[in-house]
Amino acid sequence: MVQSQRDYASFRTRPARSQYLLEQFRGVLKGKILDVGCYEAPLRELLPQEEYYGIDIVGKPDQVINLEECKQLPFADGSFNSVICIEVLEHINNLHDMFHELFRVSSQDVIVSLPNCWCGARQKVGRGRGEILHYGLPHQKPVDRHKWFFNVSQVVDFFESACPAEYELVDLRVVEKPRSGPLTLIRRFWFSSKAYANRYAHTVFAVYRRKQVQKMAA
């Protein structure tokens, strides 16, 4: 089992997150690519030489699909070389079903990420004030809403245990904002590695590769 590694990045905008994805996982983003929950599809322009296809209920997808209402993705098994799903599954009730659909329609690689919901809510809950992004009780039903609330430890455990038998987890990254100074050292000394990640990391990325592809590459 691959060990999780710490990484440093800040995603203030969706394009910034897409840029990180390109810089860190360019070797996986090749051939026919399915972007599940693409929204404005920023990767389309970042990957002009690849066959990109995005699906979502809003934004600028190639095909409009409501992931929460479909039982399976409308593609045949192994239709895409790579399938990516970046901070999408936390928005749908059928998270587990759609997670496994990512692997069904991929022939090689799957990249998926989930946010650390504790990170943005921790201080506000402790202080007893402030709005927590994607949660709360707005006057009208929102389009962009989280259905799950989990921390880094739970995401890492899920990514490891939910890996299909025909795939292997080859990259697991816990990402936090770049920080410096004595405060960071004090925090790392004071908290265990898991507690620190649950408090301060913001995203977990996982990369899976089909085992038969691993053997062919070897």
Foldseek 3Di string as FASTA:
>chain_A
DDDADEAADDDPDPVRVVVVCCVPPVVQPAEEEEEEACAQVPVCVVCVPHNYAYEDCHHDGPYDDDVQPDQADPAAFQQGQEYEYEADLQQHPPSLSHVVNRNRNHPWKYKYKHWLQCAQCVVCVVVVDDDRPQDDDDPDDDPRHGPDHHFPVVVVVCLVVSDDPQKDWDHKYFYFHDDDDPVVVVLPVVDPPRVSSRHTTTMMMIMMTGVVVVVVVD
